[in-house]
Protein backbone atom coordinates (compact mmCIF):
# COMPACT_ATOMS: atom_id res chain seq x y z
CA MET A 1 -0.21 -0.12 -0.21
CA HIS A 2 1.30 3.61 -1.20
CA CYS A 3 -0.30 6.11 1.04
CA GLN A 4 -0.01 9.36 0.83
CA PRO A 5 -0.81 12.61 3.06
CA ARG A 6 -2.00 14.39 -0.17
CA ALA A 7 -1.49 13.52 -4.32
CA THR A 8 1.31 13.74 -5.84
CA SER A 9 2.25 13.82 -9.07
CA THR A 10 2.16 10.44 -11.41
CA GLU A 11 5.80 10.45 -11.37
CA HIS A 12 6.23 10.34 -8.25
CA ARG A 13 3.55 7.43 -8.18
CA ASP A 14 5.44 5.35 -10.86
CA SER A 15 8.74 5.60 -8.85
CA VAL A 16 6.92 3.65 -6.13
CA PHE A 17 5.38 1.19 -8.38
CA ASP A 18 8.66 0.99 -9.99
CA LEU A 19 10.17 0.38 -6.56
CA VAL A 20 7.10 -2.54 -5.85
CA ALA A 21 8.02 -4.26 -9.27
CA LEU A 22 11.94 -4.09 -8.34
CA PHE A 23 11.42 -6.03 -4.87
CA ALA A 24 8.56 -8.21 -6.55
CA ALA A 25 11.28 -9.35 -9.08
CA ARG A 26 13.99 -9.85 -6.39
CA TYR A 27 11.48 -12.36 -4.32
CA PRO A 28 9.13 -14.27 -6.98
CA ALA A 29 8.07 -16.50 -4.08
CA MET A 30 6.25 -13.97 -2.31
CA ALA A 31 3.06 -12.56 -3.34
CA VAL A 32 2.82 -8.55 -3.79
CA GLN A 33 -0.13 -6.32 -4.39
CA VAL A 34 0.35 -2.55 -4.00
CA HIS A 35 -2.58 -0.30 -3.24
CA THR A 36 -2.39 3.86 -3.95
CA LEU A 37 -4.41 5.48 -0.79
CA THR A 38 -4.45 9.35 0.20
CA CYS A 39 -4.63 9.09 3.52
CA ALA A 40 -2.14 9.25 6.54
CA PRO A 41 0.28 6.50 6.17
CA ALA A 42 0.50 5.17 9.85
CA GLU A 43 -2.98 4.53 10.53
CA ALA A 44 -3.70 3.57 7.26
CA LEU A 45 -1.02 0.51 7.41
CA ALA A 46 -1.75 -0.37 10.75
CA TRP A 47 -5.30 -0.64 9.95
CA HIS A 48 -4.57 -3.09 6.78
CA SER A 49 -2.09 -4.72 8.57
CA GLN A 50 -4.88 -7.17 9.36
CA PHE A 51 -5.56 -8.31 5.60
CA ALA A 52 -1.58 -9.12 5.57
CA SER A 53 0.92 -11.48 6.25
CA MET A 54 3.68 -8.83 5.97
CA VAL A 55 3.92 -5.36 6.06
CA VAL A 56 7.02 -3.93 4.13
CA ILE A 57 7.88 -0.48 4.73
CA GLY A 58 10.50 0.97 2.46
CA TYR A 59 12.80 3.32 4.37
CA ARG A 60 15.58 5.94 2.82
CA GLU A 61 18.31 7.38 4.27
CA HIS A 62 17.38 10.55 3.90
CA GLY A 63 12.82 10.15 4.62
CA LEU A 64 11.41 11.74 7.54
CA GLY A 65 9.46 8.05 8.23
CA GLY A 66 10.23 7.86 11.99
CA ARG A 67 6.97 8.43 13.70
CA ILE A 68 5.33 6.37 11.04
CA TYR A 69 7.79 3.31 11.37
CA ARG A 70 7.06 3.33 15.45
CA LYS A 71 3.51 3.66 14.87
CA VAL A 72 3.19 0.80 12.16
CA LEU A 73 5.76 -1.74 14.66
CA ARG A 74 3.33 -0.77 17.70
CA GLU A 75 -0.18 -1.06 16.02
CA ALA A 76 0.51 -3.20 13.25
CA ALA A 77 -1.34 -7.02 13.27
CA CYS A 78 1.18 -8.61 11.34
CA PRO A 79 5.17 -8.98 11.08
CA VAL A 80 6.61 -5.13 9.87
CA VAL A 81 9.67 -4.55 7.96
CA ILE A 82 11.28 -1.96 7.15
CA ALA A 83 13.48 -2.21 4.32
CA GLY A 84 16.25 0.52 2.79
CA PRO A 85 17.66 0.01 -0.77
CA ASP A 86 20.55 -2.48 0.45
CA THR A 87 17.78 -4.32 2.35
CA SER A 88 17.93 -8.32 1.16
CA LEU A 89 15.72 -10.72 2.45
CA ASP A 90 15.93 -14.17 2.66
CA VAL A 91 12.43 -15.65 1.47
CA ALA A 92 12.98 -18.84 3.30
CA LEU A 93 13.14 -16.99 6.89
CA ALA A 94 10.37 -14.74 5.92
CA ALA A 95 8.18 -17.34 5.56
CA SER A 96 9.32 -19.02 8.62
CA ALA A 97 9.02 -16.62 10.62
CA LEU A 98 5.40 -15.99 9.20
CA ASP A 99 4.62 -19.29 9.88
CA THR A 100 5.67 -18.91 13.43
CA ALA A 101 4.21 -15.53 14.13
CA ARG A 102 0.72 -17.38 12.45
CA SER A 103 0.93 -20.09 15.35
């Protein structure tokens, strides 16, 4: 889910989709869905987490997402991953963690 507090340019939205496509290509065993909403990001991500197996939040070195990360980590109903440009994810390990979280 791509949440933004106000409408942004098509170029910005396309860059988000490009990043998600890159992630999906890197980890083909994981199902990835993208939804774009104009809303408060932390509240929307925390609420929608009840329908997800995992929430992955993109991290940019110069981003101002600290408050968003903390709120989602506190309130999410599923595991949360904060992923930056150099993050690598072991799909088997992630699947194992999801299975453990569900039981």
